[in-house]
Amino acid sequence: MELLYFVVLVSGLIFVHEFGHFVVAKAFGIKVVTFSVGFGPKLLRLRGKETEYCVGLLPLGGFVRMLEESRGEPVLPEDRRRTFEAQTLPKRALVVLAGPLMNLVFPVVLYFGVFASDHRFVPPTVGIVLPGHVADGKLLEGDRILSVDGEEIGTYDELLRHVERSPGRELKLRVFRNLGYVDVELVPERAEKVTSTGERREVGRIHILPNALAPAIGVDNRESPAYRAGLRTFDVITTISGRPVTYFRDVAHLFADNRGETVPVAYLRPRVLEGALGGLADLAVYESGVVALTPEPGQGDLYRRTGIESADLYVAAVPPGSSEAKANLQRGDRVVAIDDAEVTSWSAMEERLFLARTAPHKVSYVRDGRRETATFRLRHLTFPDETGQQQEDWTLQMTHWQPTIAEPLVNHPHRFRRAAREAAEQTLEVLGFLTRGLVDIATGRASLSQISGPLAIYEVAGREGARGAEYFLWVMAVISINLGLINLFPIPVLDGGQLVFLAFEAVFRRPLPVRVREVASLLGMLLLVSLMTLALKNDLESRREVILGQLRELFG
């Protein structure tokens, strides 16, 4: 299958490139003698009215041969005005430029197909507001954001796009809240994002999440009404006084008007079954129950009156042998502070940990009503990436358990307009990234070892093709842009070199001598072969161990 994906990808992009030359030449009335995809022995020949269409055995190239008197071809008198050199300079330039431009435009079509296939989206509803950030106190859980700076939005992705584009700039949000409308102004915090092309860039963040907290609770105070009633950490509340509970925010809402009356609270309690299914996995099953809970009378927040809070900051699992386990952290511990700084959410705790990822960290936690401290480190990992280069990462091994409830998906009000905008933006982003990379290599700011060849394309085509059509189209779009850019290089055998010849003709009012063009083309071919050899060498070196392992398997 890998070979099939590779042939489809390469042949498809070559066809698109050559079709660009072909269709513009035909539009200008130029006679096209041969349209070929692939080199070598012909697998297929079709004879049209005046053009022969061919498919060659080797899919690593193609060509459109137009009628040219300068090649010494016989030209009938009625065809003299249909030769390539008989056309005006702008027309010839457009014919040459059409191939690379087709490769640069084609990704817009591919990306459009990918984005247009998405028809159900997450709505722009605030599920979680992370404490200590810009939206805290301004946006509330359950808010539905209708517009940003006067522009109507219909999905959470559109909200993120506006926010990411506005680091440090005030945004005006129109929000639907509690059957009314409110205006909220906030300034997105500056943050760094790794794009789909691997670049790092500054973006805006308001630190909200689209899915709301499920009613999984934490109870750390043994003297609280909730604990005395029989509720425990990680219980999931299902009803209060017979009224269904969907989100954690519903718990606070249903207790808000209670003045100390005892109410029935139904819950589901997860029981962990370690080594279930013959030791294949650890599972959790729910046991149901009902308790009678009497909140403290008077005013106050949910925790003060009942002892109930979100399970967000409670440790759910600690892998044996981890740094956290060696620090004696256990399931059910409630994290209070990291390095003596109070934390209000698990995400805030992770932010603080990863700010100093290599250092040991002091964690303060509550267990059975007592505050204790311990010291642990993030786990350090090293691993080879796809090119064989060693990468490193740090990870927090203990986990929490805070399930969320997704909002029902919605249809986008302008689905195809959104797909077209996303396709154009993605194409421009990849184009900019690849252009900077090629310029860095050409100017020596980046290593020649970054040049990849057919083995890398073969590997990527097979891997992404196996993942599905969308992934395959995505990588096809990236390689198409790369192909278009490379063909614009001022190397004589490439389209960019032909444009240089035409530029010379425009300046000096005469074409370059045929002998000069022949020598330049020969030198260009040598340079191109050298680059292809270098790319193949890089491919082999980065996959040396894999290739040697396969050879050892074949020959023992």
Protein backbone atom coordinates (compact mmCIF):
# COMPACT_ATOMS: atom_id res chain seq x y z
CA MET A 1 0.00 0.00 0.00
CA GLU A 2 2.90 2.35 0.74
CA LEU A 3 3.99 2.12 -2.91
CA LEU A 4 0.46 2.86 -4.11
CA TYR A 5 0.17 5.92 -1.86
CA PHE A 6 3.57 7.13 -3.07
CA VAL A 7 2.66 6.71 -6.76
CA VAL A 8 -0.71 8.42 -6.30
CA LEU A 9 0.87 11.34 -4.43
CA VAL A 10 3.80 11.95 -6.78
CA SER A 11 1.93 11.25 -10.03
CA GLY A 12 -0.99 13.38 -8.90
CA LEU A 13 1.21 16.39 -8.14
CA ILE A 14 3.19 16.00 -11.36
CA PHE A 15 -0.07 15.82 -13.31
CA VAL A 16 -1.28 19.03 -11.63
CA HIS A 17 2.02 20.77 -12.45
CA GLU A 18 2.12 19.72 -16.09
CA PHE A 19 -1.59 20.38 -16.52
CA GLY A 20 -0.91 23.99 -15.56
CA HIS A 21 1.57 24.34 -18.44
CA PHE A 22 -0.76 22.43 -20.77
CA VAL A 23 -3.97 24.33 -20.15
CA VAL A 24 -2.35 27.80 -20.43
CA ALA A 25 -0.49 26.78 -23.61
CA LYS A 26 -3.76 25.56 -25.12
CA ALA A 27 -5.51 28.76 -24.04
CA PHE A 28 -2.92 30.78 -26.01
CA GLY A 29 -3.27 28.53 -29.07
CA ILE A 30 0.16 26.89 -28.72
CA LYS A 31 0.36 23.42 -30.24
CA VAL A 32 1.18 20.81 -27.60
CA VAL A 33 2.92 17.78 -29.10
CA THR A 34 3.23 15.59 -25.97
CA PHE A 35 1.72 15.59 -22.49
CA SER A 36 3.52 13.03 -20.32
CA VAL A 37 3.34 12.05 -16.67
CA GLY A 38 6.35 9.94 -15.77
CA PHE A 39 9.57 9.05 -17.57
CA GLY A 40 10.97 5.90 -19.12
CA PRO A 41 9.08 3.21 -21.03
CA LYS A 42 5.51 4.20 -21.83
CA LEU A 43 2.83 2.26 -19.99
CA LEU A 44 0.03 4.08 -21.78
CA ARG A 45 -0.23 6.11 -24.97
CA LEU A 46 -3.33 7.91 -26.18
CA ARG A 47 -3.35 9.88 -29.40
CA GLY A 48 -5.54 12.97 -29.44
CA LYS A 49 -6.32 15.29 -32.27
CA GLU A 50 -2.84 16.84 -32.16
CA THR A 51 -1.39 15.80 -28.79
CA GLU A 52 -0.04 12.46 -27.59
CA TYR A 53 -0.88 11.70 -23.95
CA CYS A 54 1.54 9.34 -22.17
CA VAL A 55 2.07 7.69 -18.81
CA GLY A 56 5.67 6.64 -18.14
CA LEU A 57 6.94 3.84 -15.92
CA LEU A 58 8.88 6.13 -13.55
CA PRO A 59 6.50 8.57 -11.80
CA LEU A 60 9.24 10.99 -10.66
CA GLY A 61 8.67 13.61 -13.31
CA GLY A 62 6.77 14.65 -16.40
CA PHE A 63 6.82 17.14 -19.25
CA VAL A 64 4.72 19.09 -21.75
CA ARG A 65 6.45 19.32 -25.13
CA MET A 66 5.22 22.25 -27.18
CA LEU A 67 5.92 22.87 -30.82
CA GLU A 68 9.27 24.74 -31.07
CA GLU A 69 10.97 25.56 -34.33
CA SER A 70 14.26 26.16 -32.51
CA ARG A 71 14.47 22.43 -31.72
CA GLY A 72 14.76 21.68 -35.43
CA GLU A 73 11.28 20.18 -35.57
CA PRO A 74 9.40 20.33 -38.88
CA VAL A 75 6.79 23.05 -38.62
CA LEU A 76 3.98 23.33 -41.15
CA PRO A 77 3.29 26.83 -42.47
CA GLU A 78 -0.14 26.90 -40.81
CA ASP A 79 1.48 26.05 -37.45
CA ARG A 80 4.20 28.70 -37.46
CA ARG A 81 2.09 31.07 -35.37
CA ARG A 82 1.35 28.20 -32.94
CA THR A 83 4.95 27.55 -31.88
CA PHE A 84 6.11 28.45 -28.39
CA GLU A 85 8.71 30.97 -29.57
CA ALA A 86 6.14 32.72 -31.81
CA GLN A 87 4.23 33.90 -28.74
CA THR A 88 4.76 37.24 -27.07
CA LEU A 89 7.09 37.35 -24.08
CA PRO A 90 4.28 37.76 -21.48
CA LYS A 91 2.44 34.73 -22.90
CA ARG A 92 5.56 32.57 -22.79
CA ALA A 93 6.25 33.67 -19.22
CA LEU A 94 2.69 32.77 -18.21
CA VAL A 95 2.99 29.32 -19.79
CA VAL A 96 6.22 28.68 -17.86
CA LEU A 97 4.82 30.10 -14.64
CA ALA A 98 1.55 28.16 -14.86
CA GLY A 99 3.06 24.88 -13.61
CA PRO A 100 4.46 26.16 -10.29
CA LEU A 101 1.39 28.37 -9.77
CA MET A 102 -0.84 25.34 -10.24
CA ASN A 103 1.10 23.56 -7.50
CA LEU A 104 0.65 26.57 -5.22
CA VAL A 105 -3.08 26.92 -5.93
CA PHE A 106 -3.91 23.20 -5.84
CA PRO A 107 -3.45 22.97 -2.03
CA VAL A 108 -6.26 25.51 -1.61
CA VAL A 109 -8.55 22.99 -3.35
CA LEU A 110 -7.24 20.12 -1.21
CA TYR A 111 -7.58 22.04 2.05
CA PHE A 112 -11.03 23.23 1.03
CA GLY A 113 -12.10 19.62 0.59
CA VAL A 114 -10.76 18.74 4.03
CA PHE A 115 -12.35 21.71 5.79
CA ALA A 116 -15.65 21.45 3.90
CA SER A 117 -16.03 17.85 5.10
CA ASP A 118 -16.40 19.23 8.64
CA HIS A 119 -20.06 20.05 9.11
CA ARG A 120 -20.60 19.73 12.87
CA PHE A 121 -18.74 22.05 15.24
CA VAL A 122 -18.27 22.82 18.93
CA PRO A 123 -20.40 25.89 19.78
CA PRO A 124 -18.80 29.05 21.25
CA THR A 125 -20.02 28.25 24.77
CA VAL A 126 -17.80 28.77 27.81
CA GLY A 127 -17.44 25.45 29.62
CA ILE A 128 -14.56 26.18 32.00
CA VAL A 129 -12.91 29.46 33.00
CA LEU A 130 -9.40 28.78 34.27
CA PRO A 131 -8.73 30.73 37.48
CA GLY A 132 -6.07 33.42 37.60
CA HIS A 133 -6.25 34.36 33.93
CA VAL A 134 -7.78 37.15 31.88
CA ALA A 135 -11.30 35.66 31.56
CA ASP A 136 -11.60 34.92 35.29
CA GLY A 137 -14.38 37.11 36.69
CA LYS A 138 -15.41 38.38 33.24
CA LEU A 139 -16.75 35.27 31.54
CA LEU A 140 -18.91 32.72 33.35
CA GLU A 141 -19.46 29.04 32.75
CA GLY A 142 -22.40 28.65 30.39
CA ASP A 143 -21.87 31.98 28.59
CA ARG A 144 -22.60 31.80 24.86
CA ILE A 145 -20.34 34.15 22.88
CA LEU A 146 -22.24 35.59 19.92
CA SER A 147 -19.77 38.02 18.35
CA VAL A 148 -16.21 39.34 18.61
CA ASP A 149 -15.58 42.99 17.76
CA GLY A 150 -18.98 43.09 16.07
CA GLU A 151 -18.33 40.04 13.85
CA GLU A 152 -20.82 37.21 14.37
CA ILE A 153 -19.32 33.82 15.26
CA GLY A 154 -20.96 30.41 15.31
CA THR A 155 -18.26 28.02 16.52
CA TYR A 156 -15.63 27.74 19.22
CA ASP A 157 -12.91 27.54 16.55
CA GLU A 158 -13.91 30.97 15.25
CA LEU A 159 -13.65 32.37 18.77
CA LEU A 160 -10.15 30.88 19.11
CA ARG A 161 -9.10 32.39 15.78
CA HIS A 162 -10.09 35.90 16.90
CA VAL A 163 -8.35 35.43 20.25
CA GLU A 164 -5.13 33.99 18.79
CA ARG A 165 -4.84 36.91 16.36
CA SER A 166 -5.13 39.49 19.14
CA PRO A 167 -2.38 39.04 21.75
CA GLY A 168 -2.34 42.12 23.94
CA ARG A 169 -5.22 43.80 22.04
CA GLU A 170 -8.61 44.43 23.62
CA LEU A 171 -11.52 42.39 22.28
CA LYS A 172 -15.19 43.24 22.69
CA LEU A 173 -17.42 40.19 23.14
CA ARG A 174 -21.19 40.06 22.90
CA VAL A 175 -22.35 37.38 25.32
CA PHE A 176 -25.71 35.69 25.95
CA ARG A 177 -26.03 35.06 29.71
CA ASN A 178 -29.04 34.17 31.90
CA LEU A 179 -31.62 35.01 29.21
CA GLY A 180 -30.00 38.40 28.59
CA TYR A 181 -27.15 40.02 26.71
CA VAL A 182 -23.97 41.47 28.20
CA ASP A 183 -20.87 43.07 26.69
CA VAL A 184 -17.50 41.87 27.91
CA GLU A 185 -14.13 43.49 27.18
CA LEU A 186 -10.89 41.62 27.77
CA VAL A 187 -7.30 41.58 26.55
CA PRO A 188 -5.91 38.16 25.50
CA GLU A 189 -2.68 37.20 27.23
CA ARG A 190 0.43 36.69 25.12
CA ALA A 191 1.46 33.06 24.67
CA GLU A 192 3.51 30.89 22.34
CA LYS A 193 1.98 28.35 19.96
CA VAL A 194 3.55 25.63 17.84
CA THR A 195 1.75 25.72 14.48
CA SER A 196 0.92 22.75 12.26
CA THR A 197 4.17 23.46 10.38
CA GLY A 198 6.25 23.27 13.56
CA GLU A 199 6.85 27.02 13.85
CA ARG A 200 6.59 28.90 17.12
CA ARG A 201 4.64 32.13 17.06
CA GLU A 202 3.01 34.55 19.49
CA VAL A 203 -0.75 34.16 19.92
CA GLY A 204 -3.46 35.38 22.27
CA ARG A 205 -5.03 33.24 24.99
CA ILE A 206 -8.01 33.88 27.28
CA HIS A 207 -7.78 30.46 29.01
CA ILE A 208 -11.27 29.10 28.66
CA LEU A 209 -12.34 25.59 27.60
CA PRO A 210 -15.46 24.63 25.64
CA ASN A 211 -16.57 21.60 27.67
CA ALA A 212 -18.12 22.11 31.11
CA LEU A 213 -17.08 20.25 34.25
CA ALA A 214 -19.09 17.13 35.02
CA PRO A 215 -20.41 16.91 38.62
CA ALA A 216 -17.45 14.84 39.88
CA ILE A 217 -16.73 16.11 43.37
CA GLY A 218 -13.89 16.34 45.87
CA VAL A 219 -14.40 16.12 49.63
CA ASP A 220 -11.26 16.73 51.69
CA ASN A 221 -12.73 17.78 55.06
CA ARG A 222 -13.89 14.90 57.28
CA GLU A 223 -15.94 17.35 59.37
CA SER A 224 -17.88 18.74 56.42
CA PRO A 225 -21.61 18.03 55.91
CA ALA A 226 -20.83 16.17 52.68
CA TYR A 227 -18.34 13.80 54.31
CA ARG A 228 -20.59 13.15 57.31
CA ALA A 229 -23.45 12.36 54.95
CA GLY A 230 -21.32 9.74 53.18
CA LEU A 231 -20.13 11.50 50.01
CA ARG A 232 -16.52 10.89 48.98
CA THR A 233 -13.95 12.26 46.53
CA PHE A 234 -14.65 11.27 42.89
CA ASP A 235 -18.35 10.64 43.50
CA VAL A 236 -20.44 11.87 40.57
CA ILE A 237 -23.65 13.56 41.68
CA THR A 238 -26.65 12.65 39.52
CA THR A 239 -29.62 14.27 41.29
CA ILE A 240 -30.31 16.68 44.15
CA SER A 241 -33.84 16.56 45.58
CA GLY A 242 -34.83 14.57 42.53
CA ARG A 243 -33.64 17.26 40.13
CA PRO A 244 -31.09 16.05 37.55
CA VAL A 245 -27.53 17.35 37.72
CA THR A 246 -25.68 17.63 34.37
CA TYR A 247 -22.80 20.00 35.10
CA PHE A 248 -20.81 20.75 38.24
CA ARG A 249 -22.16 24.30 38.17
CA ASP A 250 -25.65 22.80 38.66
CA VAL A 251 -24.61 21.59 42.13
CA ALA A 252 -23.95 25.13 43.35
CA HIS A 253 -27.12 26.38 41.68
CA LEU A 254 -29.34 23.75 43.33
CA PHE A 255 -27.89 24.42 46.79
CA ALA A 256 -28.00 28.22 46.43
CA ASP A 257 -31.54 28.60 47.85
CA ASN A 258 -31.14 25.91 50.51
CA ARG A 259 -31.27 27.33 54.05
CA GLY A 260 -30.14 24.24 55.91
CA GLU A 261 -32.84 21.78 54.86
CA THR A 262 -31.83 18.13 54.50
CA VAL A 263 -32.07 16.97 50.87
CA PRO A 264 -31.48 13.59 49.17
CA VAL A 265 -28.39 13.49 46.94
CA ALA A 266 -27.96 10.58 44.50
CA TYR A 267 -24.50 9.74 43.25
CA LEU A 268 -22.38 7.25 41.30
CA ARG A 269 -19.16 6.07 42.93
CA PRO A 270 -16.31 4.69 40.77
CA ARG A 271 -14.75 1.49 42.11
CA VAL A 272 -11.34 0.73 40.60
CA LEU A 273 -10.76 -2.89 39.55
CA GLU A 274 -7.03 -3.35 39.17
CA GLY A 275 -5.82 -6.05 36.81
CA ALA A 276 -9.25 -6.66 35.28
CA LEU A 277 -9.76 -8.79 32.17
CA GLY A 278 -7.03 -11.18 33.21
CA GLY A 279 -4.61 -8.40 34.05
CA LEU A 280 -5.01 -6.59 30.73
CA ALA A 281 -6.31 -3.33 32.18
CA ASP A 282 -7.46 -1.41 35.22
CA LEU A 283 -11.17 -0.67 35.04
CA ALA A 284 -13.63 1.38 37.07
CA VAL A 285 -17.27 0.47 37.62
CA TYR A 286 -19.93 2.74 39.11
CA GLU A 287 -21.89 1.91 42.22
CA SER A 288 -24.99 4.01 42.87
CA GLY A 289 -26.09 5.42 46.20
CA VAL A 290 -28.17 8.06 47.93
CA VAL A 291 -27.30 10.17 50.99
CA ALA A 292 -29.15 12.76 53.04
CA LEU A 293 -27.14 15.98 53.01
CA THR A 294 -27.80 18.93 55.31
CA PRO A 295 -25.89 22.04 54.21
CA GLU A 296 -24.77 24.68 56.66
CA PRO A 297 -27.45 27.40 56.87
CA GLY A 298 -26.85 30.96 55.75
CA GLN A 299 -24.94 32.48 52.88
CA GLY A 300 -21.63 31.34 51.44
CA ASP A 301 -20.07 29.40 48.64
CA LEU A 302 -20.70 25.72 47.96
CA TYR A 303 -17.52 24.49 49.65
CA ARG A 304 -18.07 26.41 52.88
CA ARG A 305 -21.66 25.24 53.26
CA THR A 306 -21.30 21.60 52.14
CA GLY A 307 -17.61 20.68 51.84
CA ILE A 308 -18.15 19.89 48.15
CA GLU A 309 -15.79 21.18 45.46
CA SER A 310 -14.67 20.15 42.00
CA ALA A 311 -12.47 17.04 41.83
CA ASP A 312 -10.05 18.95 39.58
CA LEU A 313 -7.16 19.27 42.09
CA TYR A 314 -7.44 15.74 43.49
CA VAL A 315 -4.86 13.14 42.50
CA ALA A 316 -6.58 10.22 40.77
CA ALA A 317 -3.64 7.95 39.90
CA VAL A 318 0.06 7.73 40.75
CA PRO A 319 2.10 5.24 38.67
CA PRO A 320 4.22 2.86 40.80
CA GLY A 321 7.91 3.74 40.72
CA SER A 322 7.28 7.33 39.58
CA SER A 323 8.87 10.32 41.27
CA GLU A 324 5.44 11.22 42.63
CA ALA A 325 4.98 7.75 44.12
CA LYS A 326 8.41 7.95 45.75
CA ALA A 327 7.29 11.27 47.26
CA ASN A 328 4.37 9.34 48.84
CA LEU A 329 1.63 11.09 46.84
CA GLN A 330 -1.52 8.95 46.71
CA ARG A 331 -4.91 8.76 45.08
CA GLY A 332 -7.29 11.20 46.76
CA ASP A 333 -4.68 13.74 47.84
CA ARG A 334 -5.72 17.33 47.15
CA VAL A 335 -2.93 19.50 45.72
CA VAL A 336 -2.82 22.88 47.45
CA ALA A 337 0.43 24.54 46.36
CA ILE A 338 3.50 24.10 44.19
CA ASP A 339 6.76 25.60 45.45
CA ASP A 340 4.76 27.46 48.14
CA ALA A 341 2.55 29.16 45.53
CA GLU A 342 -1.16 28.40 45.88
CA VAL A 343 -2.75 26.73 42.85
CA THR A 344 -6.42 26.98 41.95
CA SER A 345 -6.65 24.41 39.15
CA TRP A 346 -4.78 21.39 37.81
CA SER A 347 -3.86 23.33 34.66
CA ALA A 348 -2.41 26.16 36.79
CA MET A 349 -0.38 23.57 38.69
CA GLU A 350 0.99 22.15 35.42
CA GLU A 351 1.88 25.64 34.19
CA ARG A 352 3.94 26.26 37.31
CA LEU A 353 5.64 22.85 37.10
CA PHE A 354 6.64 23.24 33.46
CA LEU A 355 7.99 26.76 33.93
CA ALA A 356 10.92 25.08 35.73
CA ARG A 357 10.68 21.62 34.24
CA THR A 358 14.21 20.51 35.12
CA ALA A 359 14.08 21.51 38.80
CA PRO A 360 12.72 19.58 41.79
CA HIS A 361 9.35 20.85 42.98
CA LYS A 362 7.83 21.10 46.43
CA VAL A 363 4.18 20.06 46.47
CA SER A 364 1.80 20.80 49.33
CA TYR A 365 -1.29 18.61 49.59
CA VAL A 366 -4.11 17.71 51.97
CA ARG A 367 -4.71 14.14 53.07
CA ASP A 368 -7.33 13.21 55.68
CA GLY A 369 -7.61 16.85 56.67
CA ARG A 370 -3.85 17.29 57.27
CA ARG A 371 -1.58 19.44 55.13
CA GLU A 372 1.66 17.73 54.13
CA THR A 373 4.55 18.42 51.75
CA ALA A 374 6.77 16.37 49.46
CA THR A 375 9.36 16.91 46.72
CA PHE A 376 9.32 15.34 43.25
CA ARG A 377 10.57 15.92 39.70
CA LEU A 378 8.92 15.78 36.30
CA ARG A 379 9.93 12.70 34.33
CA HIS A 380 12.60 13.40 31.70
CA LEU A 381 12.22 11.55 28.39
CA THR A 382 14.53 11.31 25.36
CA PHE A 383 13.40 9.83 22.06
CA PRO A 384 14.30 9.93 18.35
CA ASP A 385 12.01 11.91 16.05
CA GLU A 386 11.05 10.96 12.49
CA THR A 387 14.40 12.15 11.16
CA GLY A 388 16.40 10.20 13.75
CA GLN A 389 17.32 13.30 15.77
CA GLN A 390 17.20 12.94 19.56
CA GLN A 391 14.46 14.98 21.21
CA GLU A 392 13.66 15.47 24.88
CA ASP A 393 10.51 16.09 26.84
CA TRP A 394 9.25 16.26 30.42
CA THR A 395 6.01 14.79 31.72
CA LEU A 396 3.92 14.80 34.87
CA GLN A 397 3.13 11.20 35.74
CA MET A 398 0.41 11.59 38.34
CA THR A 399 -3.00 12.35 36.87
CA HIS A 400 -6.29 13.81 37.99
CA TRP A 401 -9.83 12.81 37.03
CA GLN A 402 -12.12 15.64 36.10
CA PRO A 403 -14.57 14.50 33.40
CA THR A 404 -16.24 17.09 31.22
CA ILE A 405 -19.54 17.28 29.38
CA ALA A 406 -19.44 18.31 25.74
CA GLU A 407 -21.98 20.76 24.42
CA PRO A 408 -24.15 19.45 21.54
CA LEU A 409 -22.45 20.10 18.21
CA VAL A 410 -23.89 22.75 15.91
CA ASN A 411 -23.92 23.38 12.17
CA HIS A 412 -21.75 26.21 10.90
CA PRO A 413 -23.92 29.02 9.49
CA HIS A 414 -21.45 29.62 6.62
CA ARG A 415 -19.79 26.24 6.16
CA PHE A 416 -18.27 26.68 2.69
CA ARG A 417 -17.19 30.27 3.26
CA ARG A 418 -15.41 29.10 6.40
CA ALA A 419 -13.77 26.23 4.45
CA ALA A 420 -12.52 28.62 1.75
CA ARG A 421 -11.06 31.03 4.33
CA GLU A 422 -9.40 28.23 6.29
CA ALA A 423 -7.97 26.71 3.09
CA ALA A 424 -6.45 30.00 1.95
CA GLU A 425 -4.99 30.72 5.41
CA GLN A 426 -3.52 27.23 5.77
CA THR A 427 -1.95 27.42 2.30
CA LEU A 428 -0.38 30.79 3.06
CA GLU A 429 0.93 29.53 6.41
CA VAL A 430 2.61 26.49 4.83
CA LEU A 431 3.87 28.61 1.93
CA GLY A 432 5.51 31.06 4.32
CA PHE A 433 7.05 28.30 6.42
CA LEU A 434 8.51 26.42 3.43
CA THR A 435 9.75 29.63 1.81
CA ARG A 436 11.65 30.60 4.95
CA GLY A 437 13.08 27.10 5.20
CA LEU A 438 14.30 27.09 1.59
CA VAL A 439 15.80 30.56 1.99
CA ASP A 440 17.59 29.44 5.17
CA ILE A 441 19.08 26.44 3.35
CA ALA A 442 20.07 28.54 0.33
CA THR A 443 21.78 31.17 2.52
CA GLY A 444 23.49 28.64 4.78
CA ARG A 445 21.49 29.47 7.91
CA ALA A 446 20.11 25.92 7.93
CA SER A 447 21.93 22.65 7.40
CA LEU A 448 21.82 20.78 4.08
CA SER A 449 20.99 17.69 6.14
CA GLN A 450 17.41 18.99 6.31
CA ILE A 451 16.90 18.29 2.60
CA SER A 452 14.75 15.18 2.19
CA GLY A 453 14.25 13.04 -0.89
CA PRO A 454 12.07 10.30 -2.36
CA LEU A 455 12.51 7.89 0.56
CA ALA A 456 11.14 10.49 2.97
CA ILE A 457 8.20 11.20 0.65
CA TYR A 458 7.57 7.45 0.28
CA GLU A 459 7.55 7.03 4.05
CA VAL A 460 5.31 10.02 4.73
CA ALA A 461 2.88 9.10 1.92
CA GLY A 462 2.51 5.57 3.27
CA ARG A 463 2.08 6.65 6.88
CA GLU A 464 -0.44 9.42 6.22
CA GLY A 465 -2.30 7.39 3.61
CA ALA A 466 -2.80 4.61 6.16
CA ARG A 467 -4.25 7.15 8.62
CA GLY A 468 -7.01 8.18 6.22
CA ALA A 469 -7.94 10.35 3.25
CA GLU A 470 -7.85 13.65 5.14
CA TYR A 471 -4.30 13.07 6.38
CA PHE A 472 -3.17 12.01 2.91
CA LEU A 473 -4.67 15.14 1.32
CA TRP A 474 -3.01 17.24 4.00
CA VAL A 475 0.48 15.94 3.25
CA MET A 476 -0.25 16.10 -0.48
CA ALA A 477 -0.98 19.81 -0.11
CA VAL A 478 2.30 20.44 1.75
CA ILE A 479 4.38 18.59 -0.85
CA SER A 480 2.54 20.37 -3.67
CA ILE A 481 3.55 23.74 -2.25
CA ASN A 482 7.11 22.48 -1.85
CA LEU A 483 7.16 21.32 -5.46
CA GLY A 484 5.85 24.66 -6.69
CA LEU A 485 8.49 26.60 -4.76
CA ILE A 486 11.37 24.37 -5.87
CA ASN A 487 10.34 24.73 -9.51
CA LEU A 488 10.69 28.50 -9.14
CA PHE A 489 14.39 28.15 -8.27
CA PRO A 490 16.53 29.90 -10.93
CA ILE A 491 18.02 26.61 -12.15
CA PRO A 492 17.90 26.35 -15.98
CA VAL A 493 16.20 22.94 -16.20
CA LEU A 494 13.47 24.14 -13.85
CA ASP A 495 10.71 26.64 -14.60
CA GLY A 496 12.52 29.29 -12.58
CA GLY A 497 15.52 28.98 -14.89
CA GLN A 498 13.31 29.39 -17.94
CA LEU A 499 11.90 32.55 -16.39
CA VAL A 500 15.47 33.84 -16.00
CA PHE A 501 16.06 33.24 -19.72
CA LEU A 502 12.86 35.16 -20.52
CA ALA A 503 13.91 37.99 -18.19
CA PHE A 504 17.23 38.25 -20.08
CA GLU A 505 15.28 38.46 -23.33
CA ALA A 506 13.04 41.18 -21.91
CA VAL A 507 16.03 43.27 -20.82
CA PHE A 508 18.29 42.80 -23.88
CA ARG A 509 15.53 42.55 -26.50
CA ARG A 510 16.88 39.26 -27.82
CA PRO A 511 16.90 35.66 -26.57
CA LEU A 512 19.99 34.06 -25.14
CA PRO A 513 22.08 32.21 -27.74
CA VAL A 514 21.04 28.55 -28.09
CA ARG A 515 24.55 27.37 -27.14
CA VAL A 516 24.47 29.40 -23.91
CA ARG A 517 21.09 27.94 -23.01
CA GLU A 518 22.31 24.41 -23.72
CA VAL A 519 25.37 24.81 -21.50
CA ALA A 520 23.32 26.45 -18.75
CA SER A 521 20.79 23.61 -18.94
CA LEU A 522 23.57 21.04 -18.65
CA LEU A 523 25.01 22.78 -15.59
CA GLY A 524 21.51 23.06 -14.15
CA MET A 525 20.96 19.34 -14.65
CA LEU A 526 24.24 18.56 -12.89
CA LEU A 527 23.23 20.79 -9.98
CA LEU A 528 19.82 19.16 -9.81
CA VAL A 529 21.32 15.66 -9.84
CA SER A 530 23.71 16.71 -7.08
CA LEU A 531 20.82 17.97 -4.94
CA MET A 532 18.86 14.76 -5.55
CA THR A 533 21.90 12.71 -4.59
CA LEU A 534 22.31 14.76 -1.41
CA ALA A 535 18.62 14.29 -0.58
CA LEU A 536 18.89 10.54 -1.10
CA LYS A 537 22.03 10.43 1.06
CA ASN A 538 20.17 12.28 3.85
CA ASP A 539 17.27 9.85 3.54
CA LEU A 540 19.59 6.84 3.84
CA GLU A 541 21.55 8.27 6.77
CA SER A 542 18.44 9.14 8.78
CA ARG A 543 17.08 5.64 8.23
CA ARG A 544 20.37 3.77 8.52
CA GLU A 545 19.45 1.65 11.51
CA VAL A 546 16.05 0.74 10.08
CA ILE A 547 17.57 -0.26 6.73
CA LEU A 548 20.34 -2.30 8.39
CA GLY A 549 17.76 -4.05 10.55
CA GLN A 550 15.70 -4.98 7.51
CA LEU A 551 18.80 -6.26 5.69
CA ARG A 552 19.75 -8.38 8.70
CA GLU A 553 16.25 -9.88 8.70
CA LEU A 554 16.50 -10.67 4.99
CA PHE A 555 20.00 -12.16 4.96
CA GLY A 556 20.36 -13.33 8.54
